[in-house]
Protein backbone atom coordinates (compact mmCIF):
# COMPACT_ATOMS: atom_id res chain seq x y z
CA MET A 1 0.00 0.00 0.00
CA ILE A 2 1.38 3.37 -0.98
CA GLY A 3 1.95 5.65 1.98
CA GLU A 4 0.51 9.09 2.29
CA ARG A 5 2.04 11.74 0.09
CA ASN A 6 2.32 15.49 0.38
CA VAL A 7 0.01 17.10 -2.17
CA TYR A 8 0.94 20.65 -3.19
CA SER A 9 -1.14 23.24 -4.93
CA VAL A 10 0.02 24.81 -8.18
CA SER A 11 0.64 28.05 -6.31
CA ASP A 12 2.81 26.23 -3.75
CA VAL A 13 4.97 24.79 -6.53
CA ASN A 14 5.34 28.13 -8.30
CA ARG A 15 6.20 29.93 -5.08
CA TYR A 16 8.81 27.32 -4.24
CA VAL A 17 10.43 27.73 -7.65
CA LYS A 18 10.37 31.50 -7.20
CA THR A 19 12.13 31.08 -3.84
CA LEU A 20 14.82 28.90 -5.38
CA LEU A 21 15.49 31.38 -8.17
CA SER A 22 15.56 34.39 -5.85
CA GLN A 23 18.03 32.68 -3.51
CA ASP A 24 20.47 31.72 -6.27
CA GLU A 25 23.24 34.34 -6.19
CA ASN A 26 24.34 33.33 -9.70
CA LEU A 27 21.02 34.66 -11.07
CA LYS A 28 21.17 38.05 -9.36
CA PHE A 29 22.36 41.16 -11.16
CA ILE A 30 23.69 39.43 -14.24
CA PHE A 31 24.46 40.96 -17.62
CA VAL A 32 22.52 39.46 -20.55
CA ARG A 33 22.99 40.31 -24.20
CA GLY A 34 20.28 39.79 -26.81
CA GLU A 35 17.99 41.26 -29.47
CA ILE A 36 14.82 43.14 -28.49
CA SER A 37 11.63 41.47 -29.72
CA ASN A 38 7.91 42.12 -29.22
CA PHE A 39 8.55 45.38 -27.37
CA LYS A 40 5.52 46.89 -25.57
CA ARG A 41 4.96 49.85 -23.27
CA GLY A 42 2.36 49.41 -20.56
CA ALA A 43 -0.07 52.14 -19.53
CA ASN A 44 1.60 52.27 -16.11
CA GLY A 45 5.02 52.96 -17.61
CA HIS A 46 6.36 49.41 -17.34
CA LEU A 47 8.19 47.92 -20.34
CA TYR A 48 7.61 44.35 -21.53
CA PHE A 49 9.72 42.65 -24.18
CA SER A 50 11.76 39.57 -25.04
CA LEU A 51 15.47 39.09 -25.50
CA LYS A 52 16.50 36.55 -28.08
CA ASP A 53 19.41 35.15 -29.99
CA LYS A 54 19.47 32.57 -32.78
CA GLU A 55 18.66 29.67 -30.46
CA ALA A 56 16.58 30.93 -27.53
CA LEU A 57 14.30 33.61 -26.14
CA ILE A 58 13.49 34.88 -22.63
CA SER A 59 10.72 37.21 -21.40
CA CYS A 60 11.70 40.48 -19.73
CA ALA A 61 10.05 43.18 -17.65
CA MET A 62 11.44 46.60 -16.79
CA PHE A 63 9.38 48.45 -14.22
CA ALA A 64 8.57 52.14 -14.57
CA THR A 65 11.10 53.23 -11.89
CA TYR A 66 13.98 51.91 -13.98
CA ALA A 67 12.40 52.54 -17.39
CA SER A 68 12.17 56.25 -16.63
CA ARG A 69 15.98 56.41 -16.56
CA LEU A 70 16.29 55.37 -20.22
CA ILE A 71 17.34 58.09 -22.64
CA ASP A 72 15.58 56.35 -25.58
CA TYR A 73 13.21 53.42 -25.70
CA PRO A 74 14.47 50.46 -27.73
CA ASN A 75 12.86 49.12 -30.92
CA ASP A 76 12.34 45.56 -32.08
CA GLY A 77 15.62 44.36 -33.56
CA ASP A 78 17.86 46.49 -31.35
CA GLU A 79 20.67 44.56 -29.69
CA VAL A 80 21.15 45.48 -26.02
CA VAL A 81 22.95 44.46 -22.85
CA VAL A 82 20.75 44.48 -19.74
CA LEU A 83 21.50 44.25 -16.04
CA ALA A 84 18.86 41.98 -14.62
CA SER A 85 17.91 39.28 -12.13
CA ILE A 86 16.00 36.09 -12.74
CA ASP A 87 12.57 35.96 -11.14
CA ALA A 88 9.51 33.74 -11.40
CA TYR A 89 5.99 34.91 -12.14
CA VAL A 90 3.87 32.84 -9.77
CA ALA A 91 0.53 33.42 -11.48
CA ARG A 92 1.68 31.83 -14.74
CA GLY A 93 4.49 29.60 -13.62
CA THR A 94 7.00 31.29 -15.91
CA TYR A 95 10.35 32.87 -15.24
CA GLN A 96 11.62 36.14 -16.61
CA LEU A 97 14.33 38.73 -16.39
CA ILE A 98 13.62 41.74 -14.19
CA VAL A 99 15.67 44.45 -15.91
CA PHE A 100 17.29 47.31 -14.01
CA GLU A 101 19.53 48.82 -16.69
CA MET A 102 19.65 48.66 -20.49
CA ASN A 103 22.38 49.75 -22.87
CA PRO A 104 22.21 49.50 -26.67
CA VAL A 105 24.81 47.48 -28.54
CA GLY A 106 23.60 48.02 -32.09
CA ARG A 107 20.98 46.79 -34.50
CA GLY A 108 20.36 43.08 -33.97
CA THR A 109 22.13 40.69 -36.28
CA ILE A 110 18.92 38.71 -36.93
CA LEU A 111 17.11 41.79 -38.20
CA VAL A 112 20.16 42.86 -40.22
CA GLU A 113 20.34 39.48 -41.93
CA LEU A 114 16.62 39.58 -42.64
CA GLU A 115 16.89 43.04 -44.19
CA LYS A 116 19.84 41.88 -46.29
CA LEU A 117 17.85 38.89 -47.59
CA LYS A 118 14.86 41.12 -48.32
CA LYS A 119 16.99 43.48 -50.44
CA GLN A 120 18.55 40.55 -52.30
CA LEU A 121 15.18 39.01 -53.19
CA GLN A 122 13.84 42.41 -54.12
CA SER A 123 16.77 43.03 -56.47
CA GLU A 124 15.99 39.72 -58.19
CA GLY A 125 12.47 40.97 -58.91
CA LEU A 126 10.61 38.50 -56.68
CA PHE A 127 8.57 41.30 -55.10
CA ASP A 128 7.80 43.23 -58.32
CA VAL A 129 4.23 44.41 -58.74
CA SER A 130 4.33 43.26 -62.37
CA ARG A 131 4.53 39.64 -61.14
CA LYS A 132 1.35 39.89 -59.10
CA ARG A 133 -1.52 37.87 -60.54
CA PRO A 134 -5.23 38.60 -60.12
CA ILE A 135 -7.30 36.40 -57.85
CA ASN A 136 -10.14 34.37 -59.40
CA LEU A 137 -13.15 35.39 -57.33
CA TYR A 138 -15.20 32.43 -58.64
CA PRO A 139 -12.88 29.54 -57.68
CA LYS A 140 -13.58 25.85 -57.99
CA ALA A 141 -10.91 24.91 -55.42
CA ILE A 142 -8.83 26.76 -52.83
CA GLY A 143 -5.80 25.40 -50.94
CA VAL A 144 -4.90 26.42 -47.38
CA ILE A 145 -1.48 25.96 -45.78
CA THR A 146 -1.57 26.49 -42.01
CA ALA A 147 -1.63 24.69 -38.67
CA PRO A 148 -4.33 21.97 -38.78
CA ASN A 149 -5.83 22.76 -35.38
CA GLY A 150 -5.32 26.52 -35.12
CA ALA A 151 -7.81 29.34 -35.15
CA ALA A 152 -6.54 30.45 -38.57
CA VAL A 153 -7.74 27.35 -40.44
CA ARG A 154 -11.15 27.57 -38.74
CA ASP A 155 -11.50 31.23 -39.68
CA ILE A 156 -10.47 30.65 -43.30
CA VAL A 157 -12.61 27.55 -43.89
CA THR A 158 -15.66 28.98 -42.08
CA ASN A 159 -15.59 32.24 -44.01
CA ILE A 160 -15.01 30.60 -47.40
CA LYS A 161 -17.97 28.25 -46.83
CA ARG A 162 -20.11 31.16 -45.67
CA ARG A 163 -19.20 33.37 -48.62
CA TYR A 164 -18.80 30.85 -51.44
CA PRO A 165 -20.07 27.39 -50.37
CA ILE A 166 -19.74 25.79 -53.84
CA CYS A 167 -15.93 25.96 -53.63
CA ASP A 168 -13.81 22.92 -52.63
CA ILE A 169 -11.24 23.52 -49.87
CA TYR A 170 -8.00 21.53 -49.51
CA VAL A 171 -6.03 21.95 -46.26
CA PHE A 172 -2.30 21.19 -46.31
CA PRO A 173 -1.32 20.99 -42.62
CA SER A 174 1.99 22.31 -41.37
CA ALA A 175 3.68 23.65 -38.27
CA VAL A 176 3.74 27.45 -38.41
CA GLN A 177 6.41 28.13 -35.79
CA GLY A 178 9.37 26.34 -34.32
CA GLU A 179 12.43 24.69 -35.82
CA SER A 180 10.48 22.31 -38.06
CA ALA A 181 8.13 24.99 -39.42
CA PRO A 182 10.17 26.09 -42.49
CA THR A 183 10.63 22.47 -43.65
CA GLU A 184 6.96 21.56 -43.05
CA LEU A 185 5.70 24.71 -44.75
CA LEU A 186 7.84 23.98 -47.81
CA LYS A 187 6.64 20.37 -47.89
CA ALA A 188 3.00 21.49 -47.66
CA PHE A 189 3.56 24.05 -50.42
CA ASN A 190 5.12 21.47 -52.77
CA LYS A 191 2.16 19.17 -52.09
CA SER A 192 -0.30 21.92 -52.95
CA GLN A 193 1.31 22.32 -56.38
CA GLU A 194 0.10 18.84 -57.30
CA TYR A 195 -3.55 19.98 -57.11
CA ASP A 196 -5.65 21.95 -59.57
CA LEU A 197 -6.26 24.97 -57.35
CA ASP A 198 -7.45 28.42 -58.30
CA THR A 199 -5.90 30.06 -55.24
CA LEU A 200 -3.51 29.11 -52.44
CA ILE A 201 -3.71 30.72 -48.98
CA ILE A 202 -0.72 30.45 -46.64
CA GLY A 203 -0.68 31.91 -43.16
CA ARG A 204 -1.31 31.76 -39.44
CA GLY A 205 -2.65 33.91 -36.62
CA GLY A 206 -0.72 36.68 -34.92
CA GLY A 207 2.28 36.27 -32.68
CA ALA A 208 5.63 37.70 -31.70
CA SER A 209 8.07 38.40 -34.52
CA GLU A 210 10.14 35.31 -33.66
CA ASP A 211 6.99 33.17 -33.98
CA LEU A 212 6.62 34.34 -37.57
CA SER A 213 10.25 33.71 -38.55
CA ALA A 214 9.40 30.55 -40.54
CA PHE A 215 7.65 32.79 -43.09
CA ASN A 216 10.97 34.58 -43.71
CA ASP A 217 12.68 31.37 -44.85
CA GLU A 218 14.49 32.01 -48.13
CA THR A 219 13.75 28.57 -49.62
CA LEU A 220 10.04 28.94 -48.88
CA VAL A 221 9.91 32.45 -50.33
CA ARG A 222 11.62 31.36 -53.55
CA ALA A 223 9.26 28.39 -53.88
CA ILE A 224 6.20 30.62 -53.50
CA SER A 225 7.55 32.93 -56.21
CA SER A 226 7.16 30.04 -58.69
CA SER A 227 3.68 28.93 -57.55
CA LYS A 228 1.36 27.57 -60.27
CA MET A 229 -1.58 29.44 -58.78
CA PRO A 230 -1.93 32.90 -57.19
CA VAL A 231 -0.96 33.00 -53.51
CA ILE A 232 -2.61 35.00 -50.72
CA ALA A 233 -0.47 35.55 -47.62
CA ALA A 234 -2.25 35.87 -44.28
CA VAL A 235 0.58 35.85 -41.77
CA GLY A 236 -0.08 37.38 -38.37
CA HIS A 237 -1.88 40.67 -38.01
CA GLU A 238 -1.81 43.82 -40.12
CA ILE A 239 1.25 45.22 -38.31
CA ASP A 240 3.24 42.00 -38.92
CA THR A 241 5.17 41.72 -42.18
CA THR A 242 7.19 38.77 -43.45
CA LEU A 243 8.97 38.01 -46.72
CA VAL A 244 6.10 35.71 -47.69
CA ASP A 245 3.83 38.78 -47.61
CA TYR A 246 6.08 40.52 -50.15
CA VAL A 247 6.32 37.60 -52.59
CA ALA A 248 2.62 36.67 -52.46
CA ASP A 249 0.21 37.93 -55.13
CA LYS A 250 -2.05 39.39 -52.44
CA ARG A 251 -1.59 40.09 -48.76
CA ALA A 252 -4.42 39.86 -46.21
CA SER A 253 -4.22 41.46 -42.79
CA THR A 254 -5.89 38.44 -41.14
CA PRO A 255 -6.89 34.86 -42.06
CA THR A 256 -10.49 36.05 -42.30
CA GLY A 257 -9.34 38.76 -44.69
CA ALA A 258 -7.67 36.08 -46.84
CA ALA A 259 -10.99 34.25 -47.21
CA GLU A 260 -12.61 37.51 -48.30
CA LEU A 261 -9.86 38.19 -50.85
CA ALA A 262 -10.13 34.66 -52.24
CA THR A 263 -13.87 34.62 -52.95
CA ILE A 264 -16.82 36.75 -53.83
CA ASP A 265 -19.74 36.66 -51.43
CA MET A 266 -22.64 34.63 -52.89
CA ARG A 267 -24.97 37.20 -51.38
CA GLU A 268 -23.35 39.81 -53.62
CA ILE A 269 -24.01 37.58 -56.64
CA GLU A 270 -27.62 37.05 -55.59
CA LEU A 271 -28.03 40.78 -55.02
CA HIS A 272 -26.46 41.50 -58.41
CA PHE A 273 -28.84 39.10 -60.18
CA GLN A 274 -31.81 40.49 -58.27
CA ASN A 275 -30.78 44.00 -59.33
CA CYS A 276 -30.48 42.74 -62.93
CA ILE A 277 -33.95 41.18 -62.75
CA ASP A 278 -35.36 44.37 -61.26
CA ASP A 279 -33.68 46.44 -64.00
CA MET A 280 -35.02 44.08 -66.70
CA GLN A 281 -38.53 44.21 -65.28
CA GLU A 282 -38.39 47.99 -65.11
CA ALA A 283 -37.02 48.17 -68.66
CA ILE A 284 -39.75 45.83 -69.96
CA LYS A 285 -42.40 47.85 -68.12
CA GLU A 286 -41.09 51.10 -69.60
CA HIS A 287 -40.87 49.51 -73.07
CA LEU A 288 -44.46 48.24 -72.82
CA GLU A 289 -45.63 51.66 -71.68
CA ASP A 290 -43.80 53.24 -74.63
CA MET A 291 -45.37 50.67 -76.99
CA PHE A 292 -48.82 51.30 -75.50
CA GLU A 293 -48.39 55.03 -75.98
CA GLU A 294 -47.15 54.44 -79.52
CA VAL A 295 -50.10 52.13 -80.33
CA SER A 296 -52.51 54.64 -78.80
CA SER A 297 -50.97 57.34 -80.95
CA TYR A 298 -51.28 55.13 -84.06
CA LYS A 299 -54.87 54.34 -83.08
CA GLU A 300 -55.78 58.01 -82.80
CA GLU A 301 -53.97 58.79 -86.04
CA LEU A 302 -55.74 55.90 -87.82
CA ALA A 303 -59.11 57.04 -86.50
CA ASP A 304 -58.45 60.57 -87.72
CA ASN A 305 -57.34 59.24 -91.12
CA MET A 306 -60.46 57.06 -91.36
CA GLN A 307 -62.69 60.03 -90.52
CA ASP A 308 -60.94 62.13 -93.14
CA LYS A 309 -61.32 59.34 -95.68
CA ILE A 310 -65.00 58.88 -94.85
CA ARG A 311 -65.60 62.61 -95.25
CA GLU A 312 -63.72 62.56 -98.54
CA LEU A 313 -65.74 59.58 -99.80
CA LYS A 314 -68.97 61.20 -98.66
CA GLN A 315 -68.10 64.36 -100.54
CA THR A 316 -67.29 62.29 -103.66
CA LEU A 317 -70.55 60.39 -103.26
CA ASP A 318 -72.56 63.58 -102.90
CA SER A 319 -70.87 64.95 -106.01
CA LYS A 320 -71.71 61.79 -107.95
CA LYS A 321 -75.29 61.97 -106.71
CA ASP A 322 -75.55 65.53 -107.92
CA GLN A 323 -74.13 64.48 -111.27
CA LEU A 324 -76.57 61.58 -111.50
CA ALA A 325 -79.40 63.82 -110.52
CA VAL A 326 -78.51 66.14 -113.36
CA LEU A 327 -78.45 63.22 -115.80
CA ASN A 328 -81.64 61.65 -114.43
CA PRO A 329 -84.30 61.50 -117.24
CA LYS A 330 -86.95 62.52 -114.76
CA GLN A 331 -85.16 65.79 -114.27
CA ILE A 332 -85.27 66.33 -118.03
CA LEU A 333 -88.93 65.38 -118.22
CA SER A 334 -89.78 67.85 -115.48
CA ARG A 335 -88.52 70.62 -117.71
CA GLY A 336 -91.12 69.75 -120.49
CA TYR A 337 -89.15 67.19 -122.46
CA THR A 338 -90.60 63.77 -123.42
CA ILE A 339 -89.22 60.38 -124.42
CA THR A 340 -90.65 58.51 -127.40
CA MET A 341 -90.22 54.74 -127.68
CA SER A 342 -91.76 51.75 -129.36
CA GLU A 343 -94.20 49.44 -127.69
CA ASP A 344 -91.37 47.12 -126.75
CA GLY A 345 -89.42 49.98 -125.09
CA LYS A 346 -86.97 50.88 -127.84
CA ILE A 347 -86.23 54.62 -127.70
CA PHE A 348 -86.61 56.50 -130.97
CA THR A 349 -84.00 59.08 -131.76
CA SER A 350 -85.30 59.80 -135.29
CA SER A 351 -88.76 60.45 -136.75
CA LYS A 352 -88.08 58.59 -139.95
CA GLY A 353 -90.26 55.59 -140.60
CA LEU A 354 -92.69 56.24 -137.75
CA GLU A 355 -95.79 57.06 -139.84
CA GLY A 356 -98.61 54.67 -139.04
CA LYS A 357 -96.70 53.15 -136.13
CA LYS A 358 -97.90 52.91 -132.55
CA ILE A 359 -95.63 54.76 -130.08
CA LYS A 360 -95.30 55.53 -126.36
CA THR A 361 -94.63 59.06 -125.26
CA ILE A 362 -93.30 59.37 -121.72
CA MET A 363 -94.02 62.66 -120.04
CA ASN A 364 -93.25 63.89 -116.51
CA ASP A 365 -96.59 62.87 -115.09
CA GLY A 366 -97.56 59.94 -117.34
CA THR A 367 -97.30 58.04 -120.64
CA LEU A 368 -99.24 58.64 -123.90
CA ILE A 369 -99.94 55.77 -126.30
CA SER A 370 -100.73 56.94 -129.82
CA THR A 371 -100.44 56.23 -133.54
CA VAL A 372 -98.36 58.47 -135.81
CA ASP A 373 -100.54 59.91 -138.59
CA LYS A 374 -97.95 62.12 -140.22
CA VAL A 375 -94.29 63.02 -139.89
CA GLU A 376 -93.20 66.54 -140.72
CA ALA A 377 -89.64 67.13 -141.77
CA LYS A 378 -87.40 69.30 -139.62
């Protein structure tokens, strides 16, 4: 049977470690040299930053009493020598340097090397605007290179599916910080080139500058410059800049911003089509109204033309009637003239040969039937 054990709280353990560190004379008032990283000024005047070299990093705090003695505040990348003591932060179980003095040494070698590499790649034309390709906003497939379980991949995938759900998404998992990150990122990139993608997104969430160092790897940057498809970089936050940001075709300030750059929102397409339908309906309505007005105008014009034609025909008819009336035999008879014809209705136009014949004489008010006794010459 296992005997009773002493069980300590987390706070007890952290306080004990703090006691050990504070009692170690070798960790008191030591000089430490390193490069400033992730420098921040607190509202209370305290300074918080990290010191790093090529292999390691340590958190630092310089309280306002000592910070007020500085002539100039340092910048990220500055190399300094600090007088400090090692102390433990009980609440988080971490240790840090409590800095009392700080003296600049010069611009950090890491930042200098990075700037040198940036200028070299720039001189080779890898960052030229003329190399930037447009992003297809109606993609069939998008690739994503990032940590498989981080917030960045969730943000990118969620926003692509929300904005453009008909697009396929391929995730190529990789470490995004640490020693293995550059190799894994390059491997994931090479894998992505085997797929028929419209766009490739590479990135991660925010972090300290040393956490983003994998995206400054020269081999990775050169590989991205030869990508088959346009690349969107979404590394860190808007204030963070890496060499991958410069070589990419587009740069997004956040992973969510990368999803927005890579796709058009389906709601915009629906709104566009609805606006087109509304414009077409309005155009058809206006065209029909114009046609109706035009037909109405033709109708009125036709009616007027028909009335004019009817009046013209009526006038012609009246004229013909007057002419017929003038030629009507009854009109002639009313003026005292008569018509002479045979019994069978044949009109005589000459008196020759009528002696002894029976004739009809038509007068205005009747007909005379008689026999011709004698014909007198004209």
